[in-house]
C-alpha atoms as a PDB file:
ATOM      1  CA  UNK A   1     -30.770  74.460-110.457  1.00  0.00           C
ATOM      2  CA  UNK A   2     -34.014  73.789-112.350  1.00  0.00           C
ATOM      3  CA  UNK A   3     -35.556  76.981-113.768  1.00  0.00           C
ATOM      4  CA  UNK A   4     -38.822  78.032-112.097  1.00  0.00           C
ATOM      5  CA  UNK A   5     -40.727  77.551-115.369  1.00  0.00           C
ATOM      6  CA  UNK A   6     -39.623  73.916-115.570  1.00  0.00           C
ATOM      7  CA  UNK A   7     -40.406  73.375-111.893  1.00  0.00           C
ATOM      8  CA  UNK A   8     -43.954  74.574-112.497  1.00  0.00           C
ATOM      9  CA  UNK A   9     -44.280  72.300-115.527  1.00  0.00           C
ATOM     10  CA  UNK A  10     -43.173  69.313-113.451  1.00  0.00           C
ATOM     11  CA  UNK A  11     -45.642  70.224-110.685  1.00  0.00           C
ATOM     12  CA  UNK A  12     -48.464  70.528-113.204  1.00  0.00           C
ATOM     13  CA  UNK A  13     -47.679  67.061-114.578  1.00  0.00           C
ATOM     14  CA  UNK A  14     -47.957  65.625-111.051  1.00  0.00           C
ATOM     15  CA  UNK A  15     -51.328  67.156-110.239  1.00  0.00           C
ATOM     16  CA  UNK A  16     -52.739  66.735-113.778  1.00  0.00           C
ATOM     17  CA  UNK A  17     -51.444  63.307-114.837  1.00  0.00           C
ATOM     18  CA  UNK A  18     -54.067  62.737-117.532  1.00  0.00           C
ATOM     19  CA  UNK A  19     -52.765  64.012-120.858  1.00  0.00           C
ATOM     20  CA  UNK A  20     -55.030  65.557-123.451  1.00  0.00           C
ATOM     21  CA  UNK A  21     -54.123  62.821-125.918  1.00  0.00           C
ATOM     22  CA  UNK A  22     -55.318  60.197-123.435  1.00  0.00           C
ATOM     23  CA  UNK A  23     -58.628  62.015-122.985  1.00  0.00           C
ATOM     24  CA  UNK A  24     -58.973  62.312-126.746  1.00  0.00           C
ATOM     25  CA  UNK A  25     -58.384  58.585-127.216  1.00  0.00           C
ATOM     26  CA  UNK A  26     -61.037  57.815-124.599  1.00  0.00           C
ATOM     27  CA  UNK A  27     -63.543  60.093-126.326  1.00  0.00           C
ATOM     28  CA  UNK A  28     -62.924  58.508-129.716  1.00  0.00           C
ATOM     29  CA  UNK A  29     -63.143  55.015-128.257  1.00  0.00           C
ATOM     30  CA  UNK A  30     -66.470  55.469-126.466  1.00  0.00           C
ATOM     31  CA  UNK A  31     -68.400  53.719-129.245  1.00  0.00           C
ATOM     32  CA  UNK A  32     -66.062  50.749-129.303  1.00  0.00           C
ATOM     33  CA  UNK A  33     -65.714  50.536-125.522  1.00  0.00           C
ATOM     34  CA  UNK A  34     -67.431  47.794-123.563  1.00  0.00           C
ATOM     35  CA  UNK A  35     -68.819  48.353-120.078  1.00  0.00           C
ATOM     36  CA  UNK A  36     -67.037  47.209-116.956  1.00  0.00           C
ATOM     37  CA  UNK A  37     -69.443  48.939-114.560  1.00  0.00           C
ATOM     38  CA  UNK A  38     -73.175  49.629-114.751  1.00  0.00           C
ATOM     39  CA  UNK A  39     -74.593  52.346-112.507  1.00  0.00           C
ATOM     40  CA  UNK A  40     -78.296  52.377-111.731  1.00  0.00           C
ATOM     41  CA  UNK A  41     -79.514  55.780-110.598  1.00  0.00           C
ATOM     42  CA  UNK A  42     -81.856  55.981-107.638  1.00  0.00           C
ATOM     43  CA  UNK A  43     -82.146  56.720-103.936  1.00  0.00           C
ATOM     44  CA  UNK A  44     -81.000  54.325-101.191  1.00  0.00           C
ATOM     45  CA  UNK A  45     -83.520  52.960 -98.720  1.00  0.00           C
ATOM     46  CA  UNK A  46     -86.535  50.673 -98.792  1.00  0.00           C
ATOM     47  CA  UNK A  47     -89.070  53.500 -99.051  1.00  0.00           C
ATOM     48  CA  UNK A  48     -87.790  54.373-102.527  1.00  0.00           C
ATOM     49  CA  UNK A  49     -87.910  50.817-103.867  1.00  0.00           C
ATOM     50  CA  UNK A  50     -90.069  50.566-106.977  1.00  0.00           C
ATOM     51  CA  UNK A  51     -90.475  54.325-107.469  1.00  0.00           C
ATOM     52  CA  UNK A  52     -90.091  55.926-110.876  1.00  0.00           C
ATOM     53  CA  UNK A  53     -86.840  57.591-109.825  1.00  0.00           C
ATOM     54  CA  UNK A  54     -85.417  54.177-108.895  1.00  0.00           C
ATOM     55  CA  UNK A  55     -86.026  52.463-112.200  1.00  0.00           C
ATOM     56  CA  UNK A  56     -82.265  52.359-112.713  1.00  0.00           C
ATOM     57  CA  UNK A  57     -81.920  50.362-109.502  1.00  0.00           C
ATOM     58  CA  UNK A  58     -84.758  48.057-110.587  1.00  0.00           C
ATOM     59  CA  UNK A  59     -82.803  47.385-113.780  1.00  0.00           C
ATOM     60  CA  UNK A  60     -79.746  46.391-111.743  1.00  0.00           C
ATOM     61  CA  UNK A  61     -81.914  43.971-109.782  1.00  0.00           C
ATOM     62  CA  UNK A  62     -83.101  42.391-113.038  1.00  0.00           C
ATOM     63  CA  UNK A  63     -79.513  42.063-114.284  1.00  0.00           C
ATOM     64  CA  UNK A  64     -78.608  40.426-110.987  1.00  0.00           C
ATOM     65  CA  UNK A  65     -81.442  37.927-111.373  1.00  0.00           C
ATOM     66  CA  UNK A  66     -80.426  37.160-114.962  1.00  0.00           C
ATOM     67  CA  UNK A  67     -76.649  36.982-114.569  1.00  0.00           C
ATOM     68  CA  UNK A  68     -75.665  37.144-110.894  1.00  0.00           C
ATOM     69  CA  UNK A  69     -74.330  34.274-108.837  1.00  0.00           C
ATOM     70  CA  UNK A  70     -76.407  32.821-106.015  1.00  0.00           C
ATOM     71  CA  UNK A  71     -74.045  34.309-103.412  1.00  0.00           C
ATOM     72  CA  UNK A  72     -74.216  37.801-104.914  1.00  0.00           C
ATOM     73  CA  UNK A  73     -78.022  37.643-105.177  1.00  0.00           C
ATOM     74  CA  UNK A  74     -78.162  36.973-101.427  1.00  0.00           C
ATOM     75  CA  UNK A  75     -76.106  40.044-100.546  1.00  0.00           C
ATOM     76  CA  UNK A  76     -77.757  42.823 -98.601  1.00  0.00           C
ATOM     77  CA  UNK A  77     -79.527  45.443-100.691  1.00  0.00           C
ATOM     78  CA  UNK A  78     -77.295  47.939 -98.894  1.00  0.00           C
ATOM     79  CA  UNK A  79     -74.195  46.498-100.589  1.00  0.00           C
ATOM     80  CA  UNK A  80     -72.909  49.230-102.906  1.00  0.00           C
ATOM     81  CA  UNK A  81     -71.287  46.998-105.523  1.00  0.00           C
ATOM     82  CA  UNK A  82     -72.199  43.565-106.728  1.00  0.00           C
ATOM     83  CA  UNK A  83     -70.872  41.481-109.589  1.00  0.00           C
ATOM     84  CA  UNK A  84     -72.404  39.673-112.533  1.00  0.00           C
ATOM     85  CA  UNK A  85     -70.846  37.716-115.371  1.00  0.00           C
ATOM     86  CA  UNK A  86     -72.009  37.931-118.985  1.00  0.00           C
ATOM     87  CA  UNK A  87     -70.307  35.738-121.577  1.00  0.00           C
ATOM     88  CA  UNK A  88     -67.235  35.418-119.393  1.00  0.00           C
ATOM     89  CA  UNK A  89     -67.013  39.162-118.681  1.00  0.00           C
ATOM     90  CA  UNK A  90     -67.203  40.269-115.044  1.00  0.00           C
ATOM     91  CA  UNK A  91     -69.261  43.420-114.627  1.00  0.00           C
ATOM     92  CA  UNK A  92     -69.719  45.541-111.513  1.00  0.00           C
ATOM     93  CA  UNK A  93     -73.196  46.778-110.654  1.00  0.00           C
ATOM     94  CA  UNK A  94     -73.138  50.076-108.745  1.00  0.00           C
ATOM     95  CA  UNK A  95     -76.096  50.553-106.394  1.00  0.00           C
ATOM     96  CA  UNK A  96     -76.776  53.990-104.855  1.00  0.00           C
ATOM     97  CA  UNK A  97     -75.278  54.772-101.465  1.00  0.00           C
ATOM     98  CA  UNK A  98     -76.059  58.494-101.605  1.00  0.00           C
ATOM     99  CA  UNK A  99     -79.123  60.372-102.762  1.00  0.00           C
ATOM    100  CA  UNK A 100     -79.886  60.690-106.447  1.00  0.00           C
ATOM    101  CA  UNK A 101     -78.417  64.157-107.007  1.00  0.00           C
ATOM    102  CA  UNK A 102     -75.060  63.223-105.426  1.00  0.00           C
ATOM    103  CA  UNK A 103     -74.394  59.962-107.271  1.00  0.00           C
ATOM    104  CA  UNK A 104     -71.109  61.053-108.827  1.00  0.00           C
ATOM    105  CA  UNK A 105     -69.009  61.221-105.669  1.00  0.00           C
ATOM    106  CA  UNK A 106     -69.260  57.573-104.593  1.00  0.00           C
ATOM    107  CA  UNK A 107     -69.020  56.366-108.180  1.00  0.00           C
ATOM    108  CA  UNK A 108     -65.840  58.333-108.934  1.00  0.00           C
ATOM    109  CA  UNK A 109     -63.970  56.840-105.986  1.00  0.00           C
ATOM    110  CA  UNK A 110     -64.768  53.301-107.103  1.00  0.00           C
ATOM    111  CA  UNK A 111     -63.904  53.660-110.782  1.00  0.00           C
ATOM    112  CA  UNK A 112     -60.612  55.404-110.062  1.00  0.00           C
ATOM    113  CA  UNK A 113     -59.628  52.624-107.697  1.00  0.00           C
ATOM    114  CA  UNK A 114     -60.558  50.007-110.311  1.00  0.00           C
ATOM    115  CA  UNK A 115     -58.971  51.897-113.211  1.00  0.00           C
ATOM    116  CA  UNK A 116     -62.281  52.118-115.072  1.00  0.00           C
ATOM    117  CA  UNK A 117     -62.634  54.790-117.772  1.00  0.00           C
ATOM    118  CA  UNK A 118     -65.816  56.889-118.134  1.00  0.00           C
ATOM    119  CA  UNK A 119     -66.395  55.213-121.521  1.00  0.00           C
ATOM    120  CA  UNK A 120     -66.495  51.853-119.712  1.00  0.00           C
ATOM    121  CA  UNK A 121     -69.480  52.903-117.582  1.00  0.00           C
ATOM    122  CA  UNK A 122     -73.136  52.625-118.516  1.00  0.00           C
ATOM    123  CA  UNK A 123     -75.519  54.765-116.481  1.00  0.00           C
ATOM    124  CA  UNK A 124     -79.154  53.614-116.351  1.00  0.00           C
ATOM    125  CA  UNK A 125     -81.604  56.356-115.424  1.00  0.00           C
ATOM    126  CA  UNK A 126     -85.231  57.429-115.656  1.00  0.00           C
ATOM    127  CA  UNK A 127     -86.297  60.082-118.159  1.00  0.00           C
ATOM    128  CA  UNK A 128     -89.425  62.106-117.545  1.00  0.00           C
ATOM    129  CA  UNK A 129     -89.499  63.419-121.119  1.00  0.00           C
ATOM    130  CA  UNK A 130     -89.764  59.958-122.670  1.00  0.00           C
ATOM    131  CA  UNK A 131     -93.120  58.147-122.709  1.00  0.00           C
ATOM    132  CA  UNK A 132     -93.417  55.354-120.151  1.00  0.00           C
ATOM    133  CA  UNK A 133     -91.590  52.289-121.428  1.00  0.00           C
ATOM    134  CA  UNK A 134     -89.600  53.982-124.181  1.00  0.00           C
ATOM    135  CA  UNK A 135     -85.850  53.272-124.075  1.00  0.00           C
ATOM    136  CA  UNK A 136     -83.014  55.277-125.614  1.00  0.00           C
ATOM    137  CA  UNK A 137     -79.234  55.190-125.386  1.00  0.00           C
ATOM    138  CA  UNK A 138     -76.636  57.908-125.919  1.00  0.00           C
ATOM    139  CA  UNK A 139     -72.859  57.627-125.762  1.00  0.00           C
ATOM    140  CA  UNK A 140     -72.186  61.252-124.912  1.00  0.00           C
ATOM    141  CA  UNK A 141     -73.928  64.580-124.301  1.00  0.00           C
ATOM    142  CA  UNK A 142     -75.311  66.750-121.536  1.00  0.00           C
ATOM    143  CA  UNK A 143     -77.391  65.708-118.565  1.00  0.00           C
ATOM    144  CA  UNK A 144     -80.761  66.571-120.129  1.00  0.00           C
ATOM    145  CA  UNK A 145     -81.978  67.942-116.805  1.00  0.00           C
ATOM    146  CA  UNK A 146     -81.229  64.703-114.924  1.00  0.00           C
ATOM    147  CA  UNK A 147     -79.446  65.757-111.744  1.00  0.00           C
ATOM    148  CA  UNK A 148     -77.990  62.335-111.009  1.00  0.00           C
ATOM    149  CA  UNK A 149     -76.378  62.243-114.427  1.00  0.00           C
ATOM    150  CA  UNK A 150     -75.296  65.845-113.915  1.00  0.00           C
ATOM    151  CA  UNK A 151     -73.484  64.844-110.719  1.00  0.00           C
ATOM    152  CA  UNK A 152     -71.633  62.050-112.520  1.00  0.00           C
ATOM    153  CA  UNK A 153     -70.635  64.298-115.435  1.00  0.00           C
ATOM    154  CA  UNK A 154     -69.439  67.065-113.109  1.00  0.00           C
ATOM    155  CA  UNK A 155     -67.408  64.801-110.836  1.00  0.00           C
ATOM    156  CA  UNK A 156     -65.821  62.774-113.644  1.00  0.00           C
ATOM    157  CA  UNK A 157     -65.212  65.894-115.725  1.00  0.00           C
ATOM    158  CA  UNK A 158     -66.524  64.512-119.010  1.00  0.00           C
ATOM    159  CA  UNK A 159     -69.795  64.156-120.913  1.00  0.00           C
ATOM    160  CA  UNK A 160     -68.539  61.068-122.744  1.00  0.00           C
ATOM    161  CA  UNK A 161     -70.380  58.604-120.517  1.00  0.00           C
ATOM    162  CA  UNK A 162     -72.786  56.097-122.118  1.00  0.00           C
ATOM    163  CA  UNK A 163     -76.264  56.249-120.662  1.00  0.00           C
ATOM    164  CA  UNK A 164     -79.510  54.288-121.132  1.00  0.00           C
ATOM    165  CA  UNK A 165     -82.657  56.305-120.441  1.00  0.00           C
ATOM    166  CA  UNK A 166     -85.940  54.609-119.583  1.00  0.00           C
ATOM    167  CA  UNK A 167     -89.037  56.703-120.022  1.00  0.00           C
ATOM    168  CA  UNK A 168     -91.336  57.217-117.047  1.00  0.00           C
ATOM    169  CA  UNK A 169     -93.579  59.812-118.723  1.00  0.00           C
ATOM    170  CA  UNK A 170     -94.439  63.284-117.527  1.00  0.00           C
ATOM    171  CA  UNK A 171     -97.484  63.836-115.280  1.00  0.00           C
ATOM    172  CA  UNK A 172    -100.509  65.558-116.770  1.00  0.00           C
ATOM    173  CA  UNK A 173    -102.466  68.297-115.045  1.00  0.00           C
ATOM    174  CA  UNK A 174    -106.232  68.508-114.665  1.00  0.00           C
ATOM    175  CA  UNK A 175    -106.262  70.625-117.810  1.00  0.00           C
ATOM    176  CA  UNK A 176    -104.760  67.734-119.745  1.00  0.00           C
ATOM    177  CA  UNK A 177    -101.450  69.533-120.273  1.00  0.00           C
ATOM    178  CA  UNK A 178     -97.991  68.377-119.122  1.00  0.00           C
ATOM    179  CA  UNK A 179     -96.934  69.473-115.636  1.00  0.00           C
ATOM    180  CA  UNK A 180     -93.612  71.283-115.100  1.00  0.00           C
ATOM    181  CA  UNK A 181     -93.869  72.505-111.490  1.00  0.00           C
ATOM    182  CA  UNK A 182     -91.039  71.313-109.252  1.00  0.00           C
ATOM    183  CA  UNK A 183     -93.292  70.025-106.456  1.00  0.00           C
ATOM    184  CA  UNK A 184     -95.503  68.085-108.846  1.00  0.00           C
ATOM    185  CA  UNK A 185     -92.465  66.609-110.577  1.00  0.00           C
ATOM    186  CA  UNK A 186     -90.901  65.581-107.262  1.00  0.00           C
ATOM    187  CA  UNK A 187     -94.108  63.837-106.205  1.00  0.00           C
ATOM    188  CA  UNK A 188     -94.295  62.087-109.567  1.00  0.00           C
ATOM    189  CA  UNK A 189     -90.762  60.671-109.675  1.00  0.00           C
ATOM    190  CA  UNK A 190     -90.862  59.595-106.021  1.00  0.00           C
ATOM    191  CA  UNK A 191     -94.118  57.705-106.455  1.00  0.00           C
ATOM    192  CA  UNK A 192     -94.670  54.273-107.976  1.00  0.00           C
ATOM    193  CA  UNK A 193     -95.806  53.783-111.578  1.00  0.00           C
ATOM    194  CA  UNK A 194     -99.476  53.293-112.368  1.00  0.00           C
ATOM    195  CA  UNK A 195    -100.485  49.697-112.999  1.00  0.00           C
ATOM    196  CA  UNK A 196    -101.256  50.655-116.604  1.00  0.00           C
ATOM    197  CA  UNK A 197     -97.552  51.458-117.141  1.00  0.00           C
ATOM    198  CA  UNK A 198     -96.124  48.272-115.625  1.00  0.00           C
ATOM    199  CA  UNK A 199     -96.242  46.190-118.826  1.00  0.00           C
ATOM    200  CA  UNK A 200     -94.431  48.886-120.808  1.00  0.00           C
ATOM    201  CA  UNK A 201     -91.791  49.280-118.107  1.00  0.00           C
ATOM    202  CA  UNK A 202     -91.280  45.513-117.943  1.00  0.00           C
ATOM    203  CA  UNK A 203     -90.737  45.436-121.709  1.00  0.00           C
ATOM    204  CA  UNK A 204     -88.327  48.361-121.400  1.00  0.00           C
ATOM    205  CA  UNK A 205     -86.311  46.468-118.790  1.00  0.00           C
ATOM    206  CA  UNK A 206     -86.071  43.458-121.128  1.00  0.00           C
ATOM    207  CA  UNK A 207     -84.769  45.718-123.893  1.00  0.00           C
ATOM    208  CA  UNK A 208     -82.241  47.200-121.504  1.00  0.00           C
ATOM    209  CA  UNK A 209     -80.925  43.740-120.571  1.00  0.00           C
ATOM    210  CA  UNK A 210     -80.581  42.825-124.239  1.00  0.00           C
ATOM    211  CA  UNK A 211     -78.747  46.100-124.926  1.00  0.00           C
ATOM    212  CA  UNK A 212     -76.336  45.555-122.030  1.00  0.00           C
ATOM    213  CA  UNK A 213     -75.452  42.112-123.392  1.00  0.00           C
ATOM    214  CA  UNK A 214     -74.839  43.587-126.844  1.00  0.00           C
ATOM    215  CA  UNK A 215     -72.749  46.383-125.353  1.00  0.00           C
ATOM    216  CA  UNK A 216     -70.547  43.888-123.509  1.00  0.00           C
ATOM    217  CA  UNK A 217     -70.097  41.531-126.460  1.00  0.00           C
ATOM    218  CA  UNK A 218     -70.056  43.981-129.394  1.00  0.00           C
ATOM    219  CA  UNK A 219     -69.465  47.454-127.948  1.00  0.00           C
ATOM    220  CA  UNK A 220     -71.482  50.502-126.932  1.00  0.00           C
ATOM    221  CA  UNK A 221     -72.296  51.713-130.424  1.00  0.00           C
ATOM    222  CA  UNK A 222     -73.898  48.408-131.398  1.00  0.00           C
ATOM    223  CA  UNK A 223     -76.043  48.540-128.270  1.00  0.00           C
ATOM    224  CA  UNK A 224     -77.081  52.114-129.040  1.00  0.00           C
ATOM    225  CA  UNK A 225     -78.056  51.179-132.611  1.00  0.00           C
ATOM    226  CA  UNK A 226     -80.117  48.298-131.275  1.00  0.00           C
ATOM    227  CA  UNK A 227     -82.022  50.415-128.758  1.00  0.00           C
ATOM    228  CA  UNK A 228     -82.519  53.464-130.941  1.00  0.00           C
ATOM    229  CA  UNK A 229     -83.668  51.628-134.068  1.00  0.00           C
ATOM    230  CA  UNK A 230     -87.312  52.013-135.045  1.00  0.00           C
ATOM    231  CA  UNK A 231     -87.712  48.328-135.741  1.00  0.00           C
END
């Protein structure tokens, strides 16, 4: 008869199949990894189209225009996953099917079914603390106050998820100082950018597309160096 201690060890292996060494390898490989899925943060529904909080979704639309097939471009905007091809690499685009703060649940189900590692995801999201049009990439780290990213990190159980942040700027109060109130912030992110910001945001989207191509052909770290360089 198998001792109780060994029975427990066998049970633990069944419910926790991912070994620490495997997690460690994935963490170390995040810079060399190349994306298989790109998630654009946002809210589903036509009324949110073009809002600051949906800039991640707008970026997916631009990738679809640049690299998607005619049949995929014609798919309903309610389709959760669409496919593009960059330099012979097939990439899934993950559109939101749940509200911004609950993004992780639908995403986790898909990547586990496809066998995609967290390091093989790139999350595109808005960042209120970056000036409008500024673009930055990180390969790991906390959520920085972004609740959509927080949901993904919590559900996947790791912070080692590459993310591209596009600045939408923080609203300014009548006193000329930055606004931090929750109601004002909610109104800001759920509204559409001012016309004066559109050129900067368009340039940011072009940089994002270039970075995604670099990430797919050369790896995440090369894409991060490209986006975060001062040149």
